[in-house]
């Protein structure tokens, strides 16, 4: 909690800290405003599919094909 107090004092008193805080808020605002609903829905779907594929491949036995080269 002390770190949050120190950060808030820095953002209130220091002009560079104030500008940094404003820039961070503006960037966060644009990131949220430009994110489409499709991206919000597709990203978790892609994560779920990749996890299912990873779990299926985890059970597969990997065959080393490099032995035929020698």
C-alpha atoms as a PDB file:
ATOM      1  CA  UNK A   1       0.000   0.000   0.000  1.00  0.00           C
ATOM      2  CA  UNK A   2       2.937   2.313   0.632  1.00  0.00           C
ATOM      3  CA  UNK A   3       3.981   2.003  -3.010  1.00  0.00           C
ATOM      4  CA  UNK A   4       0.572   3.219  -4.153  1.00  0.00           C
ATOM      5  CA  UNK A   5       0.799   6.247  -1.852  1.00  0.00           C
ATOM      6  CA  UNK A   6       4.274   7.083  -3.137  1.00  0.00           C
ATOM      7  CA  UNK A   7       3.094   6.707  -6.740  1.00  0.00           C
ATOM      8  CA  UNK A   8       0.075   8.961  -6.170  1.00  0.00           C
ATOM      9  CA  UNK A   9       2.251  11.626  -4.548  1.00  0.00           C
ATOM     10  CA  UNK A  10       4.624  11.400  -7.497  1.00  0.00           C
ATOM     11  CA  UNK A  11       1.781  11.773  -9.980  1.00  0.00           C
ATOM     12  CA  UNK A  12       0.291  14.723  -8.092  1.00  0.00           C
ATOM     13  CA  UNK A  13       3.433  16.722  -7.349  1.00  0.00           C
ATOM     14  CA  UNK A  14       5.866  16.028 -10.168  1.00  0.00           C
ATOM     15  CA  UNK A  15       5.038  17.616 -13.541  1.00  0.00           C
ATOM     16  CA  UNK A  16       6.740  14.798 -15.453  1.00  0.00           C
ATOM     17  CA  UNK A  17       4.867  12.242 -13.367  1.00  0.00           C
ATOM     18  CA  UNK A  18       1.609  14.051 -14.075  1.00  0.00           C
ATOM     19  CA  UNK A  19       2.276  13.991 -17.814  1.00  0.00           C
ATOM     20  CA  UNK A  20       3.219  10.323 -17.632  1.00  0.00           C
ATOM     21  CA  UNK A  21      -0.031   9.550 -15.800  1.00  0.00           C
ATOM     22  CA  UNK A  22      -2.111  11.448 -18.356  1.00  0.00           C
ATOM     23  CA  UNK A  23      -0.349   9.722 -21.261  1.00  0.00           C
ATOM     24  CA  UNK A  24      -0.891   6.309 -19.642  1.00  0.00           C
ATOM     25  CA  UNK A  25      -4.604   7.059 -19.187  1.00  0.00           C
ATOM     26  CA  UNK A  26      -4.969   8.267 -22.784  1.00  0.00           C
ATOM     27  CA  UNK A  27      -3.236   5.161 -24.142  1.00  0.00           C
ATOM     28  CA  UNK A  28      -5.417   2.913 -21.973  1.00  0.00           C
ATOM     29  CA  UNK A  29      -8.553   4.767 -23.102  1.00  0.00           C
ATOM     30  CA  UNK A  30      -7.721   4.394 -26.799  1.00  0.00           C
ATOM     31  CA  UNK A  31      -6.793   0.740 -26.332  1.00  0.00           C
ATOM     32  CA  UNK A  32     -10.201   0.044 -24.774  1.00  0.00           C
ATOM     33  CA  UNK A  33     -12.138   2.259 -27.176  1.00  0.00           C
ATOM     34  CA  UNK A  34     -10.630   0.748 -30.328  1.00  0.00           C
ATOM     35  CA  UNK A  35     -11.005  -2.849 -29.221  1.00  0.00           C
ATOM     36  CA  UNK A  36     -13.872  -4.357 -31.134  1.00  0.00           C
ATOM     37  CA  UNK A  37     -16.381  -6.782 -29.731  1.00  0.00           C
ATOM     38  CA  UNK A  38     -15.207  -9.384 -32.239  1.00  0.00           C
ATOM     39  CA  UNK A  39     -11.673  -9.246 -30.837  1.00  0.00           C
ATOM     40  CA  UNK A  40     -13.014  -9.652 -27.325  1.00  0.00           C
ATOM     41  CA  UNK A  41     -14.964 -12.741 -28.389  1.00  0.00           C
ATOM     42  CA  UNK A  42     -12.334 -14.275 -30.692  1.00  0.00           C
ATOM     43  CA  UNK A  43      -9.362 -14.005 -28.335  1.00  0.00           C
ATOM     44  CA  UNK A  44     -10.767 -16.291 -25.592  1.00  0.00           C
ATOM     45  CA  UNK A  45     -11.980 -18.709 -28.276  1.00  0.00           C
ATOM     46  CA  UNK A  46      -8.476 -18.920 -29.758  1.00  0.00           C
ATOM     47  CA  UNK A  47      -6.996 -19.451 -26.315  1.00  0.00           C
ATOM     48  CA  UNK A  48      -9.432 -22.287 -25.573  1.00  0.00           C
ATOM     49  CA  UNK A  49      -8.752 -23.983 -28.920  1.00  0.00           C
ATOM     50  CA  UNK A  50      -4.988 -23.702 -28.475  1.00  0.00           C
ATOM     51  CA  UNK A  51      -5.258 -25.211 -24.985  1.00  0.00           C
ATOM     52  CA  UNK A  52      -7.304 -28.149 -26.310  1.00  0.00           C
ATOM     53  CA  UNK A  53      -4.759 -28.756 -29.084  1.00  0.00           C
ATOM     54  CA  UNK A  54      -1.887 -28.552 -26.593  1.00  0.00           C
ATOM     55  CA  UNK A  55      -3.522 -31.095 -24.287  1.00  0.00           C
ATOM     56  CA  UNK A  56      -4.166 -33.498 -27.165  1.00  0.00           C
ATOM     57  CA  UNK A  57      -0.571 -33.242 -28.356  1.00  0.00           C
ATOM     58  CA  UNK A  58       0.683 -33.755 -24.828  1.00  0.00           C
ATOM     59  CA  UNK A  59      -0.735 -37.299 -24.919  1.00  0.00           C
ATOM     60  CA  UNK A  60       0.781 -38.117 -28.321  1.00  0.00           C
ATOM     61  CA  UNK A  61       4.060 -40.001 -28.478  1.00  0.00           C
ATOM     62  CA  UNK A  62       6.659 -38.093 -30.447  1.00  0.00           C
ATOM     63  CA  UNK A  63       8.535 -40.249 -32.961  1.00  0.00           C
ATOM     64  CA  UNK A  64      12.074 -39.175 -33.745  1.00  0.00           C
ATOM     65  CA  UNK A  65      12.528 -39.287 -37.517  1.00  0.00           C
ATOM     66  CA  UNK A  66      16.172 -38.234 -37.383  1.00  0.00           C
ATOM     67  CA  UNK A  67      17.351 -41.798 -36.823  1.00  0.00           C
ATOM     68  CA  UNK A  68      16.725 -42.711 -40.495  1.00  0.00           C
ATOM     69  CA  UNK A  69      19.265 -40.101 -41.586  1.00  0.00           C
ATOM     70  CA  UNK A  70      22.229 -42.053 -40.180  1.00  0.00           C
END
